[in-house]
Amino acid sequence: MVTTGSPLRIQLLGPVRAWWNEAEVALGPPKQRAVLALLASRAGDVVGVENIVDAVWGSDLPHTAAGGVHTYVAGLRRALEPGRRKRAAGLLLTSESGGYCLRVDPTAVDAVVFARSLGDARRSRGRGDVEATLRLYEQALAGWRGEAFSRVPGPFAAMERDRLRDLRLTAVEEWAEDMLAAGRHAELVTELPATVSEEPLREKLRWLLMLALYRSGRRVHALWTYDETRELLFRELGIEPGADLRTLHQQILSGHPELSAPGADPASLLLAGRETAFHGAPKPAQLPPLAREFVGRATELARLEEWVDSELSHGGAWTPVAVVDGPAGAGKSALVLRLAHRLTDRFPDGQLYVDLCGTGPQGRAVSADDALGQLLGGLGVDGSRMPSGVAARASLYRSLLHGRRMLVIFDDAHDADELRPLIPRGSSCVLVTSRQRFSGLAARDGAHLVTIGPLTEEEGTRLLIRLSGGRIEGPGPVTERLMALCGGLPLALRIVAGQLAVNPDVPLDALVEQYATAPGRLERLTVQGDAAAGLPRVFEAS
């Protein structure tokens, strides 16, 4: 949502929502949202009660419809103007002769911002500045959060849903044409499939994808896209592809010179050798080893595995992203790696692993640029052919993974914005650990969040028994005290158990007393992780 000078912001390009000074407003039942959506679409204009009735109810008109409008307006006033006295006139949602008016800056409504930004992009097209035009198109499209007027009833909402959807798809097509003109076909290959899957019968989108694939050195995939399109059109509509698609198909078959890109850019040249780059290197298998004596987390593992399988059943329409968060030492890395090893058979193209060092003892997190360099290196891209900059590296990375089923793990992430360029498109799956809770990544990108905490008393005791070298044989006062000292955190318990095992001649009570009388020692060890404890990275705190 574009920030405006108005304290009220309204979202129509997705579920209908509103915010007052960045706090979300409870808008009430669906028909009340429908009234707001209509008034917001015509911000500053008076909308008559009869028009509101027609827009919300259509021909299915109850005799109480007019009264319902007044009730919904009253509800919206309570929601949007909570400080207004009960019988005071509305300042934001005003009563006018025969109707109502939402008096808000039109730029506070995302659908208005989209329409204006799209107009700016189209005017820029006429001036011939392709890069500036692309930025304007991307600005216009960035405001969408799903299907417009989502879950809002009434004929007006249905009409606007269709109108705005077609306008957005046309904008995507115009943006894609300019991407091809700018020689950015490699990026287009990663971005267009999601829109094509949303509107599979729209031939212009298929045409653009075929040309982008061909210019990216993927002639076979371009021809396969045509065959898929032809089969789909015949099955669904009983027709053959149109003249433009058929012509492009023949030109690809003959290698027609008109299909060449207007200019060569580094990313497209690299992508032209994509198959060589990927298949010239061994299939990446970068998962670290599993933690010894893993205990607990059975429920979390089962639910995450079930979630991944459910996401994969959608056939790559989106990339599943799961983030496991929790305090230092909770065993997030061990849990995610255990899950990753279980999932390897679902991802035959391999596994990539990057430690982002978000809270490492060196205090220097891995940037998105450096992380992409590691990922591309794992995919066989030679350092001498590595593009520079996050945008170019992300484009090549997504292109290399397009159509492949790869498991990608990011350990100890610290920032959602640094993580976003690392998320591929399509059939791969991303698993992340972090001490932060990435609520924004869940809201904006659909990430699945799982929080873990301490082990149970029984689980922690079992871990101490298995790792203490026989010093602890079962539950009792010692295990209870150690559990309390360690806060039930697996890493702290491992450190303690290791100390017990390597000091067999020191009395058990004396060792426990050392931890009890050294305030903060276990906390420091847990937070510092492998550097403090000398443990392998798989046992680290994040």
Protein backbone atom coordinates (compact mmCIF):
# COMPACT_ATOMS: atom_id res chain seq x y z
CA MET A 1 0.00 0.00 0.00
CA VAL A 2 1.39 3.38 -1.00
CA THR A 3 1.88 5.77 1.92
CA THR A 4 -0.15 8.98 1.63
CA GLY A 5 -0.65 12.11 3.69
CA SER A 6 -4.06 10.86 4.84
CA PRO A 7 -4.32 9.03 8.18
CA LEU A 8 -6.85 6.70 6.53
CA ARG A 9 -5.72 4.12 3.97
CA ILE A 10 -8.10 1.76 2.16
CA GLN A 11 -7.21 -1.45 0.33
CA LEU A 12 -9.44 -2.65 -2.50
CA LEU A 13 -6.79 -4.60 -4.47
CA GLY A 14 -7.18 -7.71 -2.33
CA PRO A 15 -9.39 -8.29 0.72
CA VAL A 16 -11.10 -4.98 1.53
CA ARG A 17 -9.24 -3.53 4.51
CA ALA A 18 -8.62 -0.12 6.09
CA TRP A 19 -6.03 1.42 8.41
CA TRP A 20 -6.22 4.53 10.55
CA ASN A 21 -2.76 5.85 11.45
CA GLU A 22 -1.33 2.41 10.56
CA ALA A 23 -3.71 0.58 12.96
CA GLU A 24 -6.10 -1.73 11.12
CA VAL A 25 -9.79 -0.92 11.43
CA ALA A 26 -12.40 -3.65 11.99
CA LEU A 27 -14.77 -3.08 9.07
CA GLY A 28 -17.58 -5.40 10.09
CA PRO A 29 -19.68 -7.83 8.01
CA PRO A 30 -19.28 -8.41 4.25
CA LYS A 31 -22.09 -6.07 3.12
CA GLN A 32 -20.72 -3.29 5.31
CA ARG A 33 -17.37 -3.78 3.58
CA ALA A 34 -19.21 -3.66 0.25
CA VAL A 35 -20.64 -0.24 1.15
CA LEU A 36 -17.17 1.05 2.08
CA ALA A 37 -15.66 -0.37 -1.12
CA LEU A 38 -18.26 1.43 -3.24
CA LEU A 39 -17.79 4.76 -1.44
CA ALA A 40 -13.98 4.42 -1.54
CA SER A 41 -14.09 3.72 -5.27
CA ARG A 42 -15.89 7.05 -5.65
CA ALA A 43 -14.06 8.96 -2.93
CA GLY A 44 -15.19 12.60 -2.80
CA ASP A 45 -18.39 11.93 -4.78
CA VAL A 46 -21.92 11.63 -3.35
CA VAL A 47 -23.40 8.17 -3.92
CA GLY A 48 -27.18 7.97 -3.64
CA VAL A 49 -28.83 5.46 -1.33
CA GLU A 50 -30.61 3.82 -4.28
CA ASN A 51 -27.28 3.40 -6.07
CA ILE A 52 -25.78 1.84 -2.94
CA VAL A 53 -28.74 -0.55 -2.70
CA ASP A 54 -28.32 -1.59 -6.35
CA ALA A 55 -24.56 -2.00 -5.94
CA VAL A 56 -24.77 -4.16 -2.81
CA TRP A 57 -27.97 -6.17 -3.37
CA GLY A 58 -28.70 -6.00 -7.11
CA SER A 59 -31.90 -7.79 -8.06
CA ASP A 60 -31.91 -9.80 -4.82
CA LEU A 61 -33.51 -6.87 -3.02
CA PRO A 62 -34.98 -7.23 0.50
CA HIS A 63 -37.56 -4.70 1.64
CA THR A 64 -35.15 -3.60 4.39
CA ALA A 65 -32.34 -2.71 1.97
CA ALA A 66 -32.51 1.08 2.44
CA GLY A 67 -32.52 0.65 6.20
CA GLY A 68 -29.60 -1.73 5.85
CA VAL A 69 -27.60 0.99 4.07
CA HIS A 70 -28.12 3.39 6.98
CA THR A 71 -27.15 0.67 9.45
CA TYR A 72 -23.96 -0.15 7.56
CA VAL A 73 -23.02 3.53 7.24
CA ALA A 74 -23.50 3.94 11.00
CA GLY A 75 -21.26 0.92 11.57
CA LEU A 76 -18.58 2.34 9.28
CA ARG A 77 -18.71 5.68 11.07
CA ARG A 78 -18.13 3.94 14.40
CA ALA A 79 -15.18 2.08 12.90
CA LEU A 80 -13.61 4.96 10.98
CA GLU A 81 -14.36 7.80 13.41
CA PRO A 82 -14.20 6.20 16.88
CA GLY A 83 -13.88 9.58 18.64
CA ARG A 84 -17.06 11.01 17.12
CA ARG A 85 -19.88 11.73 19.57
CA LYS A 86 -22.95 9.57 19.09
CA ARG A 87 -25.20 12.16 17.44
CA ALA A 88 -22.50 14.34 15.91
CA ALA A 89 -22.32 14.68 12.15
CA GLY A 90 -19.75 12.53 10.40
CA LEU A 91 -16.68 14.35 9.12
CA LEU A 92 -15.17 11.49 7.15
CA LEU A 93 -18.33 9.71 6.02
CA THR A 94 -20.85 12.48 5.50
CA SER A 95 -24.59 12.48 4.86
CA GLU A 96 -25.54 14.40 1.75
CA SER A 97 -28.82 15.00 -0.04
CA GLY A 98 -30.11 11.51 -0.79
CA GLY A 99 -26.81 9.74 -0.23
CA TYR A 100 -23.39 9.52 1.39
CA CYS A 101 -19.86 10.67 0.59
CA LEU A 102 -16.50 9.35 1.79
CA ARG A 103 -14.40 12.49 2.14
CA VAL A 104 -10.89 11.15 1.83
CA ASP A 105 -7.95 11.92 -0.43
CA PRO A 106 -8.41 9.56 -3.42
CA THR A 107 -4.71 8.62 -3.19
CA ALA A 108 -5.52 6.94 0.13
CA VAL A 109 -7.33 4.25 -1.92
CA ASP A 110 -4.97 1.73 -3.50
CA ALA A 111 -7.17 1.14 -6.57
CA VAL A 112 -6.97 4.85 -7.39
CA VAL A 113 -3.19 4.84 -6.90
CA PHE A 114 -2.93 1.82 -9.22
CA ALA A 115 -4.96 3.51 -11.96
CA ARG A 116 -2.93 6.73 -11.74
CA SER A 117 0.42 4.88 -11.68
CA LEU A 118 -0.66 2.83 -14.69
CA GLY A 119 -1.54 6.03 -16.54
CA ASP A 120 1.90 7.45 -15.69
CA ALA A 121 3.56 4.27 -17.00
CA ARG A 122 1.63 4.41 -20.28
CA ARG A 123 2.54 8.06 -20.80
CA SER A 124 6.18 7.22 -20.08
CA ARG A 125 6.02 4.52 -22.75
CA GLY A 126 5.36 7.17 -25.35
CA ARG A 127 8.51 9.04 -24.29
CA GLY A 128 10.71 6.00 -24.99
CA ASP A 129 12.52 5.72 -21.61
CA VAL A 130 12.18 1.97 -21.10
CA GLU A 131 13.83 1.74 -17.66
CA ALA A 132 11.75 4.61 -16.25
CA THR A 133 8.62 3.02 -17.73
CA LEU A 134 9.43 -0.33 -16.15
CA ARG A 135 9.81 1.30 -12.74
CA LEU A 136 6.40 2.94 -13.11
CA TYR A 137 4.73 -0.33 -14.13
CA GLU A 138 6.34 -2.14 -11.20
CA GLN A 139 5.20 0.63 -8.86
CA ALA A 140 1.65 0.27 -10.18
CA LEU A 141 1.59 -3.53 -9.84
CA ALA A 142 3.27 -3.61 -6.42
CA GLY A 143 0.08 -2.50 -4.66
CA TRP A 144 -1.86 -5.67 -5.43
CA ARG A 145 -2.50 -8.04 -2.50
CA GLY A 146 -4.69 -10.65 -4.17
CA GLU A 147 -7.99 -10.62 -6.04
CA ALA A 148 -9.57 -7.16 -5.99
CA PHE A 149 -12.69 -6.78 -3.78
CA SER A 150 -11.99 -10.25 -2.42
CA ARG A 151 -14.92 -11.79 -0.50
CA VAL A 152 -17.07 -8.68 -0.99
CA PRO A 153 -20.65 -9.41 -2.16
CA GLY A 154 -22.83 -7.57 -4.65
CA PRO A 155 -22.93 -6.80 -8.38
CA PHE A 156 -20.72 -3.70 -8.09
CA ALA A 157 -17.94 -5.68 -6.42
CA ALA A 158 -18.23 -8.42 -9.03
CA MET A 159 -18.04 -5.90 -11.87
CA GLU A 160 -15.02 -4.11 -10.33
CA ARG A 161 -13.31 -7.44 -9.66
CA ASP A 162 -13.49 -8.32 -13.35
CA ARG A 163 -12.58 -4.82 -14.55
CA LEU A 164 -9.56 -4.43 -12.28
CA ARG A 165 -8.39 -7.97 -12.94
CA ASP A 166 -8.36 -7.36 -16.69
CA LEU A 167 -6.64 -4.00 -16.17
CA ARG A 168 -3.94 -5.66 -14.06
CA LEU A 169 -3.37 -8.44 -16.60
CA THR A 170 -3.10 -5.87 -19.39
CA ALA A 171 -0.59 -3.94 -17.28
CA VAL A 172 1.44 -7.12 -16.76
CA GLU A 173 1.46 -7.70 -20.53
CA GLU A 174 2.60 -4.14 -21.23
CA TRP A 175 5.31 -4.44 -18.55
CA ALA A 176 6.45 -7.76 -20.05
CA GLU A 177 6.70 -6.23 -23.52
CA ASP A 178 8.96 -3.50 -22.13
CA MET A 179 11.02 -6.08 -20.21
CA LEU A 180 11.66 -7.85 -23.52
CA ALA A 181 12.53 -4.53 -25.15
CA ALA A 182 15.06 -3.90 -22.36
CA GLY A 183 16.65 -7.32 -22.88
CA ARG A 184 15.53 -8.54 -19.43
CA HIS A 185 14.05 -11.82 -20.67
CA ALA A 186 15.83 -13.91 -17.99
CA GLU A 187 13.92 -12.07 -15.24
CA LEU A 188 10.70 -12.37 -17.20
CA VAL A 189 11.04 -16.16 -17.33
CA THR A 190 10.86 -16.26 -13.52
CA GLU A 191 8.07 -13.73 -13.08
CA LEU A 192 5.53 -14.54 -15.84
CA PRO A 193 4.65 -18.19 -15.03
CA ALA A 194 2.69 -17.21 -11.90
CA THR A 195 0.46 -14.88 -13.93
CA VAL A 196 0.13 -17.44 -16.73
CA SER A 197 -1.06 -20.06 -14.23
CA GLU A 198 -3.58 -17.54 -12.87
CA GLU A 199 -4.98 -16.84 -16.36
CA PRO A 200 -3.98 -19.91 -18.41
CA LEU A 201 -6.23 -19.14 -21.41
CA ARG A 202 -4.84 -15.63 -22.01
CA GLU A 203 -2.84 -16.11 -25.21
CA LYS A 204 -0.88 -12.83 -25.01
CA LEU A 205 0.71 -13.91 -21.74
CA ARG A 206 1.66 -17.27 -23.29
CA TRP A 207 3.16 -15.47 -26.31
CA LEU A 208 5.31 -13.29 -24.06
CA LEU A 209 6.48 -16.26 -21.98
CA MET A 210 7.40 -18.27 -25.09
CA LEU A 211 9.51 -15.42 -26.47
CA ALA A 212 11.20 -14.84 -23.10
CA LEU A 213 12.06 -18.55 -22.87
CA TYR A 214 13.44 -18.61 -26.42
CA ARG A 215 15.61 -15.53 -25.83
CA SER A 216 16.90 -17.13 -22.63
CA GLY A 217 18.31 -20.09 -24.53
CA ARG A 218 15.40 -22.39 -23.63
CA ARG A 219 13.99 -23.21 -27.05
CA VAL A 220 12.65 -26.61 -25.96
CA HIS A 221 10.74 -25.06 -23.06
CA ALA A 222 9.29 -22.42 -25.40
CA LEU A 223 8.02 -25.13 -27.77
CA TRP A 224 6.67 -27.15 -24.87
CA THR A 225 4.74 -24.07 -23.68
CA TYR A 226 3.13 -23.82 -27.12
CA ASP A 227 2.12 -27.49 -27.07
CA GLU A 228 0.66 -27.09 -23.59
CA THR A 229 -1.26 -23.99 -24.70
CA ARG A 230 -2.66 -25.70 -27.78
CA GLU A 231 -3.82 -28.70 -25.77
CA LEU A 232 -5.41 -26.47 -23.10
CA LEU A 233 -7.27 -24.28 -25.59
CA PHE A 234 -8.63 -27.29 -27.46
CA ARG A 235 -9.67 -29.08 -24.28
CA GLU A 236 -11.32 -26.05 -22.64
CA LEU A 237 -12.68 -24.12 -25.64
CA GLY A 238 -12.41 -26.45 -28.64
CA ILE A 239 -10.25 -23.95 -30.56
CA GLU A 240 -6.71 -23.73 -31.93
CA PRO A 241 -4.20 -21.04 -30.84
CA GLY A 242 -4.56 -17.66 -32.51
CA ALA A 243 -2.49 -16.37 -35.40
CA ASP A 244 0.09 -14.59 -33.23
CA LEU A 245 0.90 -17.72 -31.23
CA ARG A 246 1.05 -19.91 -34.34
CA THR A 247 3.40 -17.46 -36.06
CA LEU A 248 5.71 -17.30 -33.05
CA HIS A 249 5.74 -21.11 -32.90
CA GLN A 250 6.86 -21.33 -36.52
CA GLN A 251 9.52 -18.65 -36.00
CA ILE A 252 10.94 -20.52 -32.99
CA LEU A 253 11.04 -23.76 -34.98
CA SER A 254 12.98 -22.03 -37.77
CA GLY A 255 15.15 -19.87 -35.52
CA HIS A 256 13.90 -16.71 -37.21
CA PRO A 257 16.36 -13.80 -36.74
CA GLU A 258 13.53 -11.42 -35.80
CA LEU A 259 13.25 -13.23 -32.46
CA SER A 260 16.73 -12.21 -31.31
CA ALA A 261 16.95 -9.96 -28.27
CA PRO A 262 17.49 -6.25 -29.03
CA GLY A 263 20.74 -6.33 -27.05
CA ALA A 264 22.81 -8.80 -25.09
CA ASP A 265 22.92 -8.35 -21.32
CA PRO A 266 25.16 -10.33 -18.90
CA ALA A 267 22.29 -12.17 -17.21
CA SER A 268 20.81 -13.41 -20.50
CA LEU A 269 24.22 -14.52 -21.79
CA LEU A 270 24.78 -16.46 -18.61
CA LEU A 271 21.34 -17.98 -18.88
CA ALA A 272 21.93 -19.05 -22.46
CA GLY A 273 24.44 -21.50 -20.98
CA ARG A 274 22.05 -22.48 -18.21
CA GLU A 275 21.91 -26.20 -18.90
CA THR A 276 25.71 -26.40 -19.15
CA ALA A 277 26.17 -24.41 -15.96
CA PHE A 278 23.72 -26.48 -13.97
CA HIS A 279 24.51 -29.91 -15.28
CA GLY A 280 28.24 -29.25 -15.39
CA ALA A 281 28.31 -29.19 -11.58
CA PRO A 282 27.36 -32.02 -9.23
CA LYS A 283 23.79 -31.94 -7.96
CA PRO A 284 24.00 -29.75 -4.84
CA ALA A 285 23.71 -31.73 -1.61
CA GLN A 286 24.67 -29.12 0.98
CA LEU A 287 22.70 -30.22 4.05
CA PRO A 288 24.88 -30.24 7.21
CA PRO A 289 24.87 -33.45 9.30
CA LEU A 290 22.08 -34.10 11.74
CA ALA A 291 22.38 -33.35 15.44
CA ARG A 292 23.27 -36.36 17.59
CA GLU A 293 20.50 -37.61 19.86
CA PHE A 294 17.70 -35.37 18.64
CA VAL A 295 14.73 -35.54 21.03
CA GLY A 296 11.24 -34.05 21.07
CA ARG A 297 9.61 -31.85 18.41
CA ALA A 298 7.66 -34.81 16.99
CA THR A 299 4.48 -32.75 16.63
CA GLU A 300 6.24 -29.83 14.94
CA LEU A 301 8.07 -32.16 12.54
CA ALA A 302 4.91 -34.02 11.58
CA ARG A 303 2.94 -30.82 11.01
CA LEU A 304 5.71 -29.19 8.96
CA GLU A 305 6.13 -32.28 6.80
CA GLU A 306 2.38 -32.43 6.23
CA TRP A 307 2.36 -28.71 5.37
CA VAL A 308 5.17 -29.10 2.80
CA ASP A 309 3.35 -32.02 1.14
CA SER A 310 0.16 -29.98 1.00
CA GLU A 311 1.97 -27.00 -0.56
CA LEU A 312 3.67 -29.20 -3.14
CA SER A 313 0.28 -30.56 -4.23
CA HIS A 314 -0.44 -27.15 -5.81
CA GLY A 315 2.08 -27.92 -8.55
CA GLY A 316 4.47 -25.00 -8.13
CA ALA A 317 1.87 -22.22 -8.29
CA TRP A 318 3.84 -20.58 -5.48
CA THR A 319 6.99 -21.28 -3.47
CA PRO A 320 6.39 -22.75 -0.01
CA VAL A 321 8.34 -20.81 2.65
CA ALA A 322 8.42 -21.99 6.28
CA VAL A 323 10.14 -19.98 9.04
CA VAL A 324 10.95 -21.62 12.39
CA ASP A 325 11.55 -18.97 15.04
CA GLY A 326 12.24 -19.06 18.75
CA PRO A 327 14.76 -18.00 21.39
CA ALA A 328 18.48 -18.67 21.27
CA GLY A 329 19.28 -22.29 21.99
CA ALA A 330 15.78 -23.61 21.30
CA GLY A 331 17.06 -25.99 18.61
CA LYS A 332 15.62 -24.28 15.52
CA SER A 333 18.48 -25.34 13.26
CA ALA A 334 18.40 -28.93 14.48
CA LEU A 335 14.63 -29.10 13.87
CA VAL A 336 14.83 -27.62 10.35
CA LEU A 337 17.73 -29.87 9.35
CA ARG A 338 15.90 -32.93 10.68
CA LEU A 339 12.91 -31.91 8.54
CA ALA A 340 15.13 -31.22 5.52
CA HIS A 341 16.69 -34.69 5.67
CA ARG A 342 13.18 -36.18 5.76
CA LEU A 343 12.18 -34.20 2.67
CA THR A 344 15.11 -34.95 0.35
CA ASP A 345 13.10 -37.48 -1.68
CA ARG A 346 10.54 -34.76 -2.55
CA PHE A 347 13.26 -32.57 -4.06
CA PRO A 348 15.23 -34.63 -6.58
CA ASP A 349 17.23 -31.66 -7.89
CA GLY A 350 19.17 -31.26 -4.64
CA GLN A 351 19.53 -29.12 -1.53
CA LEU A 352 21.14 -25.72 -1.01
CA TYR A 353 22.18 -24.43 2.42
CA VAL A 354 23.33 -20.94 3.45
CA ASP A 355 24.18 -19.82 6.99
CA LEU A 356 23.11 -16.16 7.05
CA CYS A 357 24.89 -15.57 10.40
CA GLY A 358 22.19 -13.16 11.56
CA THR A 359 23.19 -13.44 15.21
CA GLY A 360 26.63 -15.03 14.92
CA PRO A 361 29.45 -14.08 17.31
CA GLN A 362 31.30 -12.24 14.54
CA GLY A 363 28.44 -9.73 14.47
CA ARG A 364 28.38 -9.57 10.67
CA ALA A 365 25.34 -10.98 8.89
CA VAL A 366 25.62 -12.32 5.35
CA SER A 367 24.10 -9.86 2.87
CA ALA A 368 21.61 -10.91 0.18
CA ASP A 369 24.27 -10.20 -2.45
CA ASP A 370 26.81 -12.53 -0.80
CA ALA A 371 24.17 -15.19 -0.11
CA LEU A 372 23.17 -15.18 -3.79
CA GLY A 373 26.83 -15.59 -4.68
CA GLN A 374 26.96 -18.72 -2.49
CA LEU A 375 23.76 -20.07 -4.02
CA LEU A 376 24.91 -19.50 -7.59
CA GLY A 377 28.26 -21.10 -6.79
CA GLY A 378 26.40 -24.15 -5.51
CA LEU A 379 24.49 -24.24 -8.80
CA GLY A 380 27.71 -24.40 -10.81
CA VAL A 381 28.12 -20.75 -11.85
CA ASP A 382 31.83 -19.98 -12.14
CA GLY A 383 33.05 -16.94 -10.22
CA SER A 384 34.33 -15.31 -13.40
CA ARG A 385 30.81 -15.42 -14.86
CA MET A 386 29.01 -14.27 -11.71
CA PRO A 387 26.86 -11.16 -12.34
CA SER A 388 27.23 -8.26 -9.93
CA GLY A 389 24.46 -6.77 -7.84
CA VAL A 390 21.47 -8.29 -6.05
CA ALA A 391 19.00 -7.80 -8.93
CA ALA A 392 21.15 -9.53 -11.58
CA ARG A 393 22.17 -12.35 -9.24
CA ALA A 394 18.58 -12.91 -8.09
CA SER A 395 17.41 -13.02 -11.70
CA LEU A 396 19.97 -15.65 -12.66
CA TYR A 397 19.35 -17.66 -9.47
CA ARG A 398 15.59 -17.79 -10.06
CA SER A 399 16.10 -18.65 -13.70
CA LEU A 400 18.43 -21.53 -12.86
CA LEU A 401 15.89 -22.94 -10.40
CA HIS A 402 12.87 -22.43 -12.67
CA GLY A 403 11.13 -25.76 -13.25
CA ARG A 404 13.36 -27.55 -10.73
CA ARG A 405 12.45 -29.02 -7.35
CA MET A 406 15.13 -27.80 -4.98
CA LEU A 407 15.13 -27.62 -1.17
CA VAL A 408 16.73 -24.36 0.02
CA ILE A 409 17.63 -23.77 3.70
CA PHE A 410 18.57 -20.42 5.21
CA ASP A 411 19.89 -20.66 8.75
CA ASP A 412 19.86 -17.76 11.22
CA ALA A 413 18.09 -15.16 9.08
CA HIS A 414 17.91 -11.67 10.56
CA ASP A 415 15.90 -9.52 8.15
CA ALA A 416 12.92 -10.30 5.91
CA ASP A 417 13.97 -7.77 3.26
CA GLU A 418 17.38 -9.46 2.94
CA LEU A 419 15.62 -12.83 2.70
CA ARG A 420 13.12 -11.97 -0.05
CA PRO A 421 15.63 -11.88 -2.96
CA LEU A 422 16.74 -15.39 -1.94
CA ILE A 423 13.31 -16.96 -2.40
CA PRO A 424 13.04 -18.70 -5.80
CA ARG A 425 9.82 -19.08 -7.79
CA GLY A 426 7.92 -22.27 -8.51
CA SER A 427 8.49 -25.83 -7.40
CA SER A 428 11.30 -25.34 -4.87
CA CYS A 429 10.75 -25.06 -1.11
CA VAL A 430 12.44 -22.72 1.38
CA LEU A 431 13.06 -23.47 5.07
CA VAL A 432 14.31 -20.69 7.33
CA THR A 433 15.41 -20.33 10.97
CA SER A 434 15.46 -17.03 12.81
CA ARG A 435 15.30 -15.53 16.27
CA GLN A 436 12.97 -12.92 14.78
CA ARG A 437 9.30 -13.50 14.07
CA PHE A 438 8.81 -12.53 10.43
CA SER A 439 5.16 -11.46 10.61
CA GLY A 440 5.61 -9.23 7.56
CA LEU A 441 6.94 -12.15 5.52
CA ALA A 442 3.82 -14.12 6.48
CA ALA A 443 1.42 -11.29 5.64
CA ARG A 444 3.04 -10.18 2.40
CA ASP A 445 4.66 -13.35 1.07
CA GLY A 446 2.52 -16.11 2.61
CA ALA A 447 5.29 -17.59 4.75
CA HIS A 448 4.28 -20.30 7.23
CA LEU A 449 5.51 -19.39 10.74
CA VAL A 450 6.30 -21.93 13.46
CA THR A 451 7.54 -20.92 16.92
CA ILE A 452 9.34 -23.38 19.19
CA GLY A 453 10.30 -23.05 22.84
CA PRO A 454 11.86 -25.15 25.62
CA LEU A 455 11.73 -28.93 25.80
CA THR A 456 9.38 -30.63 28.20
CA GLU A 457 10.76 -32.03 31.48
CA GLU A 458 10.63 -35.57 30.09
CA GLU A 459 12.34 -34.59 26.80
CA GLY A 460 15.09 -32.60 28.50
CA THR A 461 15.80 -35.46 30.93
CA ARG A 462 16.06 -37.92 28.06
CA LEU A 463 18.58 -35.63 26.30
CA LEU A 464 20.71 -35.38 29.46
CA ILE A 465 20.68 -39.16 29.92
CA ARG A 466 21.77 -39.81 26.34
CA LEU A 467 24.58 -37.24 26.20
CA SER A 468 26.03 -37.27 29.73
CA GLY A 469 28.18 -40.38 29.23
CA GLY A 470 26.31 -42.34 31.88
CA ARG A 471 26.59 -39.63 34.56
CA ILE A 472 22.81 -39.25 34.65
CA GLU A 473 20.78 -42.42 34.65
CA GLY A 474 17.23 -41.20 35.12
CA PRO A 475 14.89 -38.48 36.37
CA GLY A 476 15.57 -37.00 39.78
CA PRO A 477 16.54 -33.84 41.67
CA VAL A 478 19.70 -33.35 39.57
CA THR A 479 17.85 -33.41 36.24
CA GLU A 480 15.15 -31.13 37.62
CA ARG A 481 17.76 -28.61 38.74
CA LEU A 482 19.63 -28.78 35.43
CA MET A 483 16.40 -28.31 33.51
CA ALA A 484 15.65 -25.23 35.60
CA LEU A 485 19.19 -23.83 35.15
CA CYS A 486 19.04 -24.42 31.38
CA GLY A 487 15.49 -23.17 30.96
CA GLY A 488 14.71 -26.39 29.09
CA LEU A 489 16.70 -25.14 26.07
CA PRO A 490 18.31 -27.97 24.08
CA LEU A 491 21.62 -26.18 23.41
CA ALA A 492 22.21 -25.39 27.07
CA LEU A 493 21.31 -28.97 28.01
CA ARG A 494 23.79 -30.29 25.41
CA ILE A 495 26.54 -28.07 26.78
CA VAL A 496 25.88 -29.24 30.34
CA ALA A 497 25.66 -32.90 29.32
CA GLY A 498 28.94 -32.57 27.43
CA GLN A 499 30.65 -31.11 30.50
CA LEU A 500 29.34 -33.97 32.61
CA ALA A 501 30.62 -36.53 30.11
CA VAL A 502 34.18 -35.09 29.85
CA ASN A 503 34.62 -34.69 33.62
CA PRO A 504 33.89 -38.19 34.94
CA ASP A 505 36.03 -37.69 38.05
CA VAL A 506 34.30 -34.53 39.25
CA PRO A 507 31.33 -35.26 41.53
CA LEU A 508 28.01 -34.66 39.87
CA ASP A 509 26.77 -32.32 42.59
CA ALA A 510 29.93 -30.21 42.31
CA LEU A 511 29.50 -29.77 38.55
CA VAL A 512 25.87 -28.81 38.94
CA GLU A 513 26.83 -26.32 41.65
CA GLN A 514 29.35 -24.68 39.30
CA TYR A 515 26.55 -23.84 36.88
CA ALA A 516 24.25 -22.76 39.67
CA THR A 517 26.83 -20.35 41.15
CA ALA A 518 28.01 -18.82 37.84
CA PRO A 519 25.18 -16.42 36.94
CA GLY A 520 24.72 -15.92 33.24
CA ARG A 521 27.25 -18.55 32.18
CA LEU A 522 24.77 -20.84 30.51
CA GLU A 523 22.95 -17.90 28.98
CA ARG A 524 26.21 -16.63 27.46
CA LEU A 525 27.06 -20.07 26.13
CA THR A 526 23.61 -20.47 24.64
CA VAL A 527 23.59 -17.07 22.96
CA GLN A 528 27.16 -17.36 21.65
CA GLY A 529 26.54 -20.89 20.44
CA ASP A 530 29.32 -22.72 18.65
CA ALA A 531 32.05 -20.14 19.28
CA ALA A 532 31.65 -20.38 23.04
CA ALA A 533 30.94 -24.05 23.37
CA GLY A 534 33.15 -25.49 20.65
CA LEU A 535 30.14 -27.21 19.17
CA PRO A 536 29.59 -27.93 15.47
CA ARG A 537 27.39 -25.39 13.68
CA VAL A 538 24.43 -27.75 13.61
CA PHE A 539 24.12 -27.28 17.40
CA GLU A 540 24.30 -23.48 17.26
CA ALA A 541 21.91 -21.24 19.06
CA SER A 542 19.72 -20.18 16.21
